[in-house]
Amino acid sequence: MILRVITMKKSQKLYLPFKRFIGIIGSVIGIIFCFVLLWWWVIPVNAIVTKGHPFFARHRIGKDGKAFRCLKFRSMKNDADPHMSSHDDGVYDKVTGFGKFLRVTSIDETLQLFNIFVGQMAFIGPRPLIDVNKNDAITINLRKENGSISLRPGLSGYAQIHQRSELDPVLKAEYDFIYFKNISFWLDVKIFVYTILCVFGAAKGR
């Protein structure tokens, strides 16, 4: 399928600053919420499990193809290859027991609220990718072709509500393009709600 760059509608361009405002306010609320309910115990437990290295930052490709340090709770053992991805052979042998819990519940990604606050990410958008990964590199190049690279990457996105597991890189770019040309407040609300339902097991990727 050939994906062509489109020009955003005026209403969509006007929505982007509002989307950023929501990101700032929402991330502040989320950070406070996570400190109170999660991080106060997740951080020390993960520090014990990972022998003093509870956090992990990895370079990802964001808005306009610019790299940034994406924050996560460390879920893998300290001797694991930092360039391993979830679809590499033997990757789950390197995940700690507590790390599996963090991944299944998506708690490992809650630190990305700080990335949202500083403007590197948004709540909803194409997922941040790794340019050194072969499949991700394909998707990144297709995003550059279809224009979706101009969006801030998100905690969740249109592709993720369709399938939480690894997607074909071309299909992932296709979903990113669909989101790009249809971006709106109500689409973001729909993706956000569906993501919450997926996390709590009330819905599955379609």
Protein backbone atom coordinates (compact mmCIF):
# COMPACT_ATOMS: atom_id res chain seq x y z
CA MET A 1 0.00 0.00 0.00
CA ILE A 2 1.36 3.44 -0.95
CA LEU A 3 1.07 5.98 1.84
CA ARG A 4 1.04 9.60 0.73
CA VAL A 5 1.61 12.69 2.82
CA ILE A 6 -1.55 14.67 3.51
CA THR A 7 -2.14 18.22 4.66
CA MET A 8 -3.83 18.57 8.02
CA LYS A 9 -7.19 20.28 8.21
CA LYS A 10 -7.33 23.65 9.97
CA SER A 11 -9.30 22.10 12.86
CA GLN A 12 -6.59 19.45 13.30
CA LYS A 13 -3.81 22.06 13.35
CA LEU A 14 -5.74 24.02 15.99
CA TYR A 15 -6.15 20.85 18.05
CA LEU A 16 -2.40 20.21 18.35
CA PRO A 17 -1.67 23.07 20.83
CA PHE A 18 -4.68 21.95 22.89
CA LYS A 19 -3.35 18.39 22.77
CA ARG A 20 -0.03 19.67 24.13
CA PHE A 21 -1.86 21.55 26.91
CA ILE A 22 -3.67 18.33 27.84
CA GLY A 23 -0.29 16.58 27.89
CA ILE A 24 1.16 19.07 30.36
CA ILE A 25 -1.82 19.06 32.74
CA GLY A 26 -2.42 15.33 32.40
CA SER A 27 1.22 14.41 32.98
CA VAL A 28 1.39 16.52 36.16
CA ILE A 29 -1.72 14.80 37.50
CA GLY A 30 -0.36 11.42 36.40
CA ILE A 31 3.03 11.99 38.07
CA ILE A 32 1.34 12.89 41.38
CA PHE A 33 -0.99 9.90 41.07
CA CYS A 34 1.88 7.50 40.35
CA PHE A 35 3.99 8.82 43.22
CA VAL A 36 1.13 8.28 45.66
CA LEU A 37 -0.02 4.85 44.46
CA LEU A 38 2.92 3.22 42.64
CA TRP A 39 6.36 4.70 42.60
CA TRP A 40 6.88 4.89 46.37
CA TRP A 41 7.03 1.07 46.46
CA VAL A 42 7.92 0.17 42.85
CA ILE A 43 11.19 2.15 42.96
CA PRO A 44 12.67 0.49 46.09
CA VAL A 45 11.48 -3.00 45.07
CA ASN A 46 12.94 -2.65 41.59
CA ALA A 47 16.15 -1.19 43.05
CA ILE A 48 16.56 -4.36 45.12
CA VAL A 49 15.75 -6.64 42.16
CA THR A 50 18.10 -4.81 39.77
CA LYS A 51 20.83 -4.28 42.38
CA GLY A 52 20.55 -0.51 42.49
CA HIS A 53 19.57 0.19 38.87
CA PRO A 54 15.75 0.60 38.87
CA PHE A 55 15.57 3.00 35.91
CA PHE A 56 16.38 2.65 32.24
CA ALA A 57 16.66 5.29 29.52
CA ARG A 58 16.92 4.40 25.88
CA HIS A 59 17.27 6.58 22.79
CA ARG A 60 14.09 6.58 20.72
CA ILE A 61 13.05 8.43 17.60
CA GLY A 62 10.46 11.11 18.27
CA LYS A 63 8.84 14.11 16.62
CA ASP A 64 10.40 15.07 13.28
CA GLY A 65 12.84 12.18 13.56
CA LYS A 66 14.71 13.66 16.53
CA ALA A 67 16.14 11.26 19.13
CA PHE A 68 15.30 11.54 22.82
CA ARG A 69 15.86 9.50 25.97
CA CYS A 70 12.70 7.50 26.68
CA LEU A 71 12.34 6.68 30.39
CA LYS A 72 11.23 3.31 31.76
CA PHE A 73 11.56 1.17 34.84
CA ARG A 74 14.26 -1.42 34.23
CA SER A 75 12.61 -4.80 33.65
CA MET A 76 15.66 -6.78 32.49
CA LYS A 77 18.70 -8.10 34.30
CA ASN A 78 21.75 -5.85 34.48
CA ASP A 79 23.79 -8.11 32.20
CA ALA A 80 21.17 -8.02 29.41
CA ASP A 81 22.02 -6.42 26.08
CA PRO A 82 20.46 -2.92 26.23
CA HIS A 83 19.68 -3.15 22.51
CA MET A 84 17.49 -6.25 22.89
CA SER A 85 13.85 -5.78 21.92
CA SER A 86 10.74 -7.69 22.94
CA HIS A 87 10.80 -9.87 19.79
CA ASP A 88 14.46 -10.97 20.05
CA ASP A 89 15.20 -14.63 20.80
CA GLY A 90 15.81 -15.30 24.48
CA VAL A 91 14.75 -11.84 25.59
CA TYR A 92 12.33 -13.12 28.21
CA ASP A 93 15.08 -15.16 29.84
CA LYS A 94 16.69 -11.82 30.63
CA VAL A 95 13.57 -10.29 32.19
CA THR A 96 13.44 -10.32 35.99
CA GLY A 97 10.44 -11.77 37.81
CA PHE A 98 9.38 -8.32 38.98
CA GLY A 99 10.14 -7.00 35.51
CA LYS A 100 7.55 -9.36 34.02
CA PHE A 101 4.97 -7.87 36.38
CA LEU A 102 6.01 -4.34 35.37
CA ARG A 103 5.67 -5.22 31.68
CA VAL A 104 2.33 -7.01 31.91
CA THR A 105 0.79 -4.13 33.86
CA SER A 106 2.60 -1.48 31.74
CA ILE A 107 3.89 0.10 34.97
CA ASP A 108 7.37 0.05 33.41
CA GLU A 109 6.24 2.79 31.02
CA THR A 110 4.68 5.14 33.59
CA LEU A 111 7.96 7.08 33.90
CA GLN A 112 7.27 8.34 30.38
CA LEU A 113 4.93 10.83 32.04
CA PHE A 114 8.09 12.92 32.48
CA ASN A 115 8.75 12.64 28.72
CA ILE A 116 5.20 13.91 28.13
CA PHE A 117 5.65 16.80 30.58
CA VAL A 118 8.77 18.13 28.82
CA GLY A 119 7.19 17.77 25.37
CA GLN A 120 9.07 14.77 23.99
CA MET A 121 5.94 12.60 23.98
CA ALA A 122 2.15 12.80 24.16
CA PHE A 123 -0.41 10.54 25.76
CA ILE A 124 -1.62 9.39 22.33
CA GLY A 125 0.48 9.14 19.18
CA PRO A 126 2.69 6.76 17.19
CA ARG A 127 4.85 4.68 19.52
CA PRO A 128 8.49 5.82 19.88
CA LEU A 129 10.76 3.49 17.92
CA ILE A 130 14.41 2.44 17.92
CA ASP A 131 16.34 3.31 14.76
CA VAL A 132 18.93 0.54 15.33
CA ASN A 133 16.19 -2.09 15.17
CA LYS A 134 15.64 -3.36 11.62
CA ASN A 135 11.83 -3.49 11.76
CA ASP A 136 11.57 -0.15 13.57
CA ALA A 137 13.86 1.46 11.00
CA ILE A 138 11.43 0.40 8.26
CA THR A 139 8.51 1.97 10.12
CA ILE A 140 10.47 5.17 10.82
CA ASN A 141 11.28 5.59 7.12
CA LEU A 142 7.63 5.02 6.19
CA ARG A 143 6.56 7.59 8.80
CA LYS A 144 8.86 10.09 7.12
CA GLU A 145 7.18 9.33 3.81
CA ASN A 146 3.59 9.55 5.05
CA GLY A 147 4.06 12.54 7.37
CA SER A 148 3.24 10.89 10.69
CA ILE A 149 6.84 11.48 11.83
CA SER A 150 5.73 15.08 12.52
CA LEU A 151 3.65 13.91 15.50
CA ARG A 152 4.91 13.48 19.05
CA PRO A 153 5.16 9.76 19.90
CA GLY A 154 2.65 8.51 22.45
CA LEU A 155 2.30 6.26 25.46
CA SER A 156 -0.32 4.49 23.38
CA GLY A 157 -1.55 4.83 19.85
CA TYR A 158 -3.90 3.71 17.12
CA ALA A 159 -1.71 0.70 16.30
CA GLN A 160 -1.58 -0.44 19.94
CA ILE A 161 -5.36 -0.61 20.38
CA HIS A 162 -5.49 -2.95 17.41
CA GLN A 163 -2.72 -5.23 18.63
CA ARG A 164 -0.49 -4.89 21.72
CA SER A 165 2.06 -7.42 20.48
CA GLU A 166 4.64 -6.88 17.74
CA LEU A 167 3.16 -5.60 14.49
CA ASP A 168 4.48 -5.94 10.96
CA PRO A 169 6.52 -2.72 10.41
CA VAL A 170 4.61 -1.77 7.26
CA LEU A 171 1.23 -2.36 8.93
CA LYS A 172 2.39 -0.32 11.93
CA ALA A 173 3.24 2.61 9.63
CA GLU A 174 -0.14 2.20 7.95
CA TYR A 175 -1.92 2.53 11.32
CA ASP A 176 0.25 5.58 12.11
CA PHE A 177 -0.86 7.16 8.83
CA ILE A 178 -4.53 6.46 9.55
CA TYR A 179 -4.14 8.17 12.93
CA PHE A 180 -2.27 11.10 11.36
CA LYS A 181 -4.96 11.86 8.79
CA ASN A 182 -7.82 11.41 11.30
CA ILE A 183 -6.29 12.98 14.42
CA SER A 184 -8.90 14.60 16.66
CA PHE A 185 -9.80 15.02 20.31
CA TRP A 186 -12.45 12.30 20.17
CA LEU A 187 -10.14 9.83 18.45
CA ASP A 188 -7.56 10.43 21.21
CA VAL A 189 -10.24 9.90 23.86
CA LYS A 190 -11.32 6.65 22.20
CA ILE A 191 -7.73 5.36 22.04
CA PHE A 192 -7.06 6.42 25.65
CA VAL A 193 -10.17 4.67 27.00
CA TYR A 194 -9.53 1.54 24.96
CA THR A 195 -5.92 1.44 26.17
CA ILE A 196 -7.07 1.56 29.82
CA LEU A 197 -9.50 -1.28 29.12
CA CYS A 198 -6.71 -3.32 27.51
CA VAL A 199 -4.38 -2.78 30.50
CA PHE A 200 -7.05 -4.02 32.92
CA GLY A 201 -7.98 -6.96 30.69
CA ALA A 202 -11.43 -5.64 29.84
CA ALA A 203 -10.60 -5.48 26.14
CA LYS A 204 -8.11 -6.98 23.70
CA GLY A 205 -6.33 -5.57 20.69
CA ARG A 206 -8.50 -5.81 17.60
